[in-house]
Protein backbone atom coordinates (compact mmCIF):
# COMPACT_ATOMS: atom_id res chain seq x y z
CA UNK A 1 -79.46 100.79 62.38
CA UNK A 2 -76.73 98.01 61.61
CA UNK A 3 -75.02 95.09 62.26
CA UNK A 4 -72.17 93.88 63.45
CA UNK A 5 -72.05 90.14 61.41
CA UNK A 6 -69.38 89.90 58.64
CA UNK A 7 -68.29 93.01 59.16
CA UNK A 8 -64.24 93.60 58.18
CA UNK A 9 -61.92 95.21 61.00
CA UNK A 10 -59.98 98.17 61.16
CA UNK A 11 -56.84 98.56 62.91
CA UNK A 12 -58.85 102.48 63.78
CA UNK A 13 -58.62 101.56 67.48
CA UNK A 14 -54.85 102.41 67.16
CA UNK A 15 -56.00 106.06 67.37
CA UNK A 16 -58.98 105.87 68.85
CA UNK A 17 -59.02 104.85 72.77
CA UNK A 18 -62.25 106.02 74.79
CA UNK A 19 -61.59 109.91 73.59
CA UNK A 20 -64.06 110.44 76.72
CA UNK A 21 -63.13 114.01 78.00
CA UNK A 22 -63.03 114.59 74.15
CA UNK A 23 -66.36 112.97 73.18
CA UNK A 24 -68.43 115.36 75.59
CA UNK A 25 -66.54 118.58 74.81
CA UNK A 26 -68.38 117.49 71.61
CA UNK A 27 -71.36 116.61 72.50
CA UNK A 28 -71.66 119.71 74.75
CA UNK A 29 -71.56 122.25 72.34
CA UNK A 30 -73.80 120.22 69.07
CA UNK A 31 -75.97 121.98 67.87
CA UNK A 32 -79.05 119.81 66.81
CA UNK A 33 -80.78 122.37 64.81
CA UNK A 34 -77.36 122.46 62.12
CA UNK A 35 -75.91 119.76 59.72
CA UNK A 36 -73.49 117.71 60.62
CA UNK A 37 -71.05 119.16 58.36
CA UNK A 38 -71.98 122.32 59.61
CA UNK A 39 -71.39 120.98 63.21
CA UNK A 40 -67.85 120.26 62.14
CA UNK A 41 -66.71 123.20 60.76
CA UNK A 42 -67.18 124.77 63.58
CA UNK A 43 -65.74 122.70 66.25
CA UNK A 44 -62.45 122.70 63.85
CA UNK A 45 -62.80 126.60 63.55
CA UNK A 46 -63.50 126.95 67.40
CA UNK A 47 -60.80 124.92 68.13
CA UNK A 48 -62.82 123.03 70.97
CA UNK A 49 -59.75 120.65 71.70
CA UNK A 50 -57.48 123.40 72.57
CA UNK A 51 -53.88 122.73 71.58
CA UNK A 52 -54.38 119.98 69.82
CA UNK A 53 -52.99 119.31 66.42
CA UNK A 54 -54.96 119.51 63.18
CA UNK A 55 -54.07 116.40 62.69
CA UNK A 56 -54.58 114.98 65.61
CA UNK A 57 -58.39 117.13 65.47
CA UNK A 58 -59.19 115.42 62.58
CA UNK A 59 -58.38 111.56 63.63
CA UNK A 60 -60.79 112.78 66.95
CA UNK A 61 -63.61 113.59 64.27
CA UNK A 62 -63.02 111.26 62.96
CA UNK A 63 -63.99 108.54 65.43
CA UNK A 64 -66.29 110.99 66.98
CA UNK A 65 -68.28 110.25 63.51
CA UNK A 66 -67.91 106.78 63.23
CA UNK A 67 -68.94 106.49 66.90
CA UNK A 68 -71.89 108.73 67.40
CA UNK A 69 -72.44 110.87 64.56
CA UNK A 70 -74.23 107.40 61.54
CA UNK A 71 -77.93 107.74 63.21
CA UNK A 72 -79.38 111.19 63.73
CA UNK A 73 -81.63 109.98 66.63
CA UNK A 74 -78.28 108.63 68.31
CA UNK A 75 -76.61 111.92 68.02
CA UNK A 76 -79.64 113.68 69.38
CA UNK A 77 -80.10 111.87 72.04
CA UNK A 78 -76.76 111.89 73.40
CA UNK A 79 -76.54 115.55 73.30
CA UNK A 80 -79.77 116.18 75.44
CA UNK A 81 -77.81 113.85 77.90
CA UNK A 82 -74.58 116.05 77.67
CA UNK A 83 -76.86 119.26 78.36
CA UNK A 84 -79.19 117.46 80.42
CA UNK A 85 -76.65 116.77 82.94
CA UNK A 86 -77.21 112.49 83.21
CA UNK A 87 -74.30 111.41 85.22
CA UNK A 88 -71.08 109.85 83.88
CA UNK A 89 -71.55 106.75 85.68
CA UNK A 90 -74.86 106.24 83.41
CA UNK A 91 -73.14 108.46 80.03
CA UNK A 92 -69.82 106.72 80.16
CA UNK A 93 -71.76 103.83 79.70
CA UNK A 94 -74.10 104.60 76.93
CA UNK A 95 -70.75 106.10 75.03
CA UNK A 96 -69.14 102.55 75.68
CA UNK A 97 -71.99 101.12 74.14
CA UNK A 98 -71.95 102.84 70.54
CA UNK A 99 -68.32 102.91 70.25
CA UNK A 100 -68.31 99.20 70.98
CA UNK A 101 -71.40 98.81 67.92
CA UNK A 102 -69.66 101.24 65.54
CA UNK A 103 -66.29 99.11 65.93
CA UNK A 104 -65.77 95.23 65.21
CA UNK A 105 -62.71 95.23 66.41
CA UNK A 106 -64.25 96.29 69.37
CA UNK A 107 -67.19 94.68 69.51
CA UNK A 108 -66.13 91.03 69.29
CA UNK A 109 -63.24 91.41 71.19
CA UNK A 110 -65.42 91.96 74.17
CA UNK A 111 -67.78 89.43 73.39
CA UNK A 112 -65.33 86.97 72.25
CA UNK A 113 -62.70 86.85 74.43
CA UNK A 114 -63.40 89.08 77.13
CA UNK A 115 -66.59 88.29 78.17
CA UNK A 116 -66.23 84.78 78.14
CA UNK A 117 -63.25 84.81 80.89
CA UNK A 118 -65.35 87.17 82.84
CA UNK A 119 -67.97 84.23 82.55
CA UNK A 120 -65.29 81.70 83.40
CA UNK A 121 -63.83 83.41 86.28
CA UNK A 122 -60.82 84.58 84.76
CA UNK A 123 -59.86 88.55 85.84
CA UNK A 124 -56.32 88.77 84.04
CA UNK A 125 -56.35 89.95 80.02
CA UNK A 126 -52.86 90.44 79.18
CA UNK A 127 -51.63 92.07 75.92
CA UNK A 128 -50.77 88.74 74.39
CA UNK A 129 -53.83 87.21 74.45
CA UNK A 130 -55.26 90.49 72.50
CA UNK A 131 -52.83 89.91 69.79
CA UNK A 132 -52.97 86.26 69.52
CA UNK A 133 -56.92 86.47 69.14
CA UNK A 134 -56.39 89.40 66.55
CA UNK A 135 -54.33 87.05 64.70
CA UNK A 136 -56.66 84.25 64.78
CA UNK A 137 -59.56 87.30 63.38
CA UNK A 138 -56.70 87.77 60.54
CA UNK A 139 -56.50 83.74 59.37
CA UNK A 140 -60.20 83.97 59.58
CA UNK A 141 -60.47 86.62 56.97
CA UNK A 142 -62.00 89.42 59.44
CA UNK A 143 -59.49 92.05 57.55
CA UNK A 144 -59.12 93.51 54.55
CA UNK A 145 -55.35 92.12 53.82
CA UNK A 146 -53.06 90.77 56.33
CA UNK A 147 -51.68 93.05 59.09
CA UNK A 148 -47.70 93.93 60.63
CA UNK A 149 -46.73 92.88 63.67
CA UNK A 150 -46.96 96.07 64.57
CA UNK A 151 -50.18 97.12 63.68
CA UNK A 152 -51.33 93.86 65.34
CA UNK A 153 -49.08 94.34 68.52
CA UNK A 154 -50.70 98.44 68.24
CA UNK A 155 -54.16 98.14 67.73
CA UNK A 156 -54.13 95.44 70.40
CA UNK A 157 -52.71 97.88 72.96
CA UNK A 158 -55.19 100.14 71.72
CA UNK A 159 -58.17 98.01 72.32
CA UNK A 160 -56.80 96.98 76.10
CA UNK A 161 -56.30 101.25 76.62
CA UNK A 162 -60.15 101.58 75.92
CA UNK A 163 -61.18 99.03 77.39
CA UNK A 164 -59.54 100.26 80.28
CA UNK A 165 -60.90 104.03 79.77
CA UNK A 166 -64.28 102.86 78.94
CA UNK A 167 -63.95 100.49 82.65
CA UNK A 168 -64.62 97.38 81.81
CA UNK A 169 -60.76 96.79 82.37
CA UNK A 170 -58.77 98.13 85.44
CA UNK A 171 -54.88 98.49 86.12
CA UNK A 172 -52.51 100.64 84.08
CA UNK A 173 -49.97 97.92 83.29
CA UNK A 174 -51.54 94.67 84.23
CA UNK A 175 -54.62 94.60 83.06
CA UNK A 176 -57.64 92.93 85.17
CA UNK A 177 -61.50 92.52 84.12
CA UNK A 178 -63.49 95.42 86.50
CA UNK A 179 -66.57 94.71 87.33
CA UNK A 180 -68.94 96.98 85.30
CA UNK A 181 -71.78 99.22 87.20
CA UNK A 182 -74.66 99.49 85.15
CA UNK A 183 -77.07 102.25 86.41
CA UNK A 184 -81.12 101.62 85.14
CA UNK A 185 -80.77 104.63 83.28
CA UNK A 186 -78.52 103.89 80.97
CA UNK A 187 -80.02 100.32 80.62
CA UNK A 188 -82.73 101.48 79.82
CA UNK A 189 -81.68 103.51 77.37
CA UNK A 190 -79.70 100.58 75.83
CA UNK A 191 -82.90 98.71 76.14
CA UNK A 192 -85.08 101.52 74.33
CA UNK A 193 -81.92 101.50 71.26
CA UNK A 194 -81.87 97.59 71.31
CA UNK A 195 -86.23 97.36 70.78
CA UNK A 196 -85.76 99.49 68.03
CA UNK A 197 -83.80 96.69 66.09
CA UNK A 198 -85.14 93.89 68.05
CA UNK A 199 -88.78 94.38 68.71
CA UNK A 200 -89.61 90.83 70.08
CA UNK A 201 -89.36 91.15 74.06
CA UNK A 202 -87.53 87.49 74.60
CA UNK A 203 -85.03 88.51 72.30
CA UNK A 204 -84.21 91.66 73.59
CA UNK A 205 -83.46 89.98 77.07
CA UNK A 206 -81.35 87.33 74.70
CA UNK A 207 -79.64 89.73 72.85
CA UNK A 208 -75.62 89.41 72.40
CA UNK A 209 -75.18 92.86 72.64
CA UNK A 210 -75.84 92.38 76.50
CA UNK A 211 -72.34 90.25 76.80
CA UNK A 212 -70.94 93.81 76.40
CA UNK A 213 -71.89 94.25 80.14
CA UNK A 214 -71.54 90.17 80.99
CA UNK A 215 -75.21 90.13 81.71
CA UNK A 216 -76.77 87.29 81.58
CA UNK A 217 -80.46 87.01 79.85
CA UNK A 218 -81.23 86.37 83.65
CA UNK A 219 -79.66 89.43 84.73
CA UNK A 220 -81.34 91.21 82.29
CA UNK A 221 -84.50 90.98 83.53
CA UNK A 222 -83.60 91.61 86.89
CA UNK A 223 -82.60 95.01 85.02
CA UNK A 224 -85.95 95.27 83.02
CA UNK A 225 -87.68 94.42 86.47
CA UNK A 226 -86.08 97.53 88.19
CA UNK A 227 -86.24 99.89 84.79
CA UNK A 228 -90.12 98.77 85.34
CA UNK A 229 -90.33 99.83 89.35
CA UNK A 230 -88.37 103.10 88.23
CA UNK A 231 -91.33 103.78 85.78
CA UNK A 232 -88.73 103.80 82.76
CA UNK A 233 -90.45 101.35 80.89
CA UNK A 234 -92.75 98.69 81.07
CA UNK A 235 -92.26 95.35 81.95
CA UNK A 236 -94.97 92.38 81.84
CA UNK A 237 -94.30 88.61 81.68
CA UNK A 238 -96.84 85.52 81.74
CA UNK A 239 -94.86 82.30 80.84
CA UNK A 240 -92.79 82.31 78.03
CA UNK A 241 -94.57 85.87 76.71
CA UNK A 242 -93.14 89.26 77.59
CA UNK A 243 -93.79 92.66 76.69
CA UNK A 244 -91.64 95.35 76.96
CA UNK A 245 -92.94 99.15 76.54
CA UNK A 246 -91.54 102.57 76.38
CA UNK A 247 -92.74 105.57 77.01
CA UNK A 248 -91.19 107.33 74.01
CA UNK A 249 -91.31 107.01 70.10
CA UNK A 250 -87.64 108.49 69.59
CA UNK A 251 -84.08 108.32 71.35
CA UNK A 252 -84.13 111.84 71.68
CA UNK A 253 -87.72 111.65 73.66
CA UNK A 254 -86.52 108.78 75.44
CA UNK A 255 -83.42 110.95 76.78
CA UNK A 256 -85.56 114.16 77.91
CA UNK A 257 -88.04 110.89 79.81
CA UNK A 258 -84.70 108.92 81.84
CA UNK A 259 -83.36 112.72 82.39
CA UNK A 260 -87.08 113.77 83.80
CA UNK A 261 -87.05 110.76 86.01
CA UNK A 262 -83.66 110.17 87.55
CA UNK A 263 -83.59 113.63 88.70
């Protein structure tokens, strides 16, 4: 599981978006018993995207691979959620989280620009805001080369559209920040994922990735207490000592736990 620090930005967001329907179709047809290359070959042969052109299919598969196929345990957990009927309100948040972690441009845009605006009470977000942030990052050397104005504008538009489709923004033309509802099941899954990177209870509560959902450390603590009451995890706090444990060893196992306890 990798960090977003010091990773170079790409403009892949131009061809992406949230791709929620396509992603769910792919996961519903995913065979955990087959290697990655065999699954992708089968998707191409069976044309599960209907009338999508061959080039568009490759674009979708490339984004799907980037977001959800780099960690085998993640892929298996997501397929388990789809086949087990996890409600979209939880699944969509989990897919958003992995999409943001996989794309440094999307991740940092939310962490550095969107979340601080939300925290200060600003709700409107304009295309020009995204363009200005991208230009600043190019000046800071976060891209391999200078982007053209067209690439900057299309990338900014891609960021805004992707966040709207994931429910972080709302509005067709003029975008504004939307209140993000994070179900306990989605929160617990993300907490388990982060615990594999950062096992410290205190640091888990303070992990910057919670800002992807506009959560403060205090709010995260409340989420942990709620998840504890729902028997999704065990949360114990005594002063500065915080112990958080989960009833599973792998993401796939935990996906089954979440499904069992949410039904």
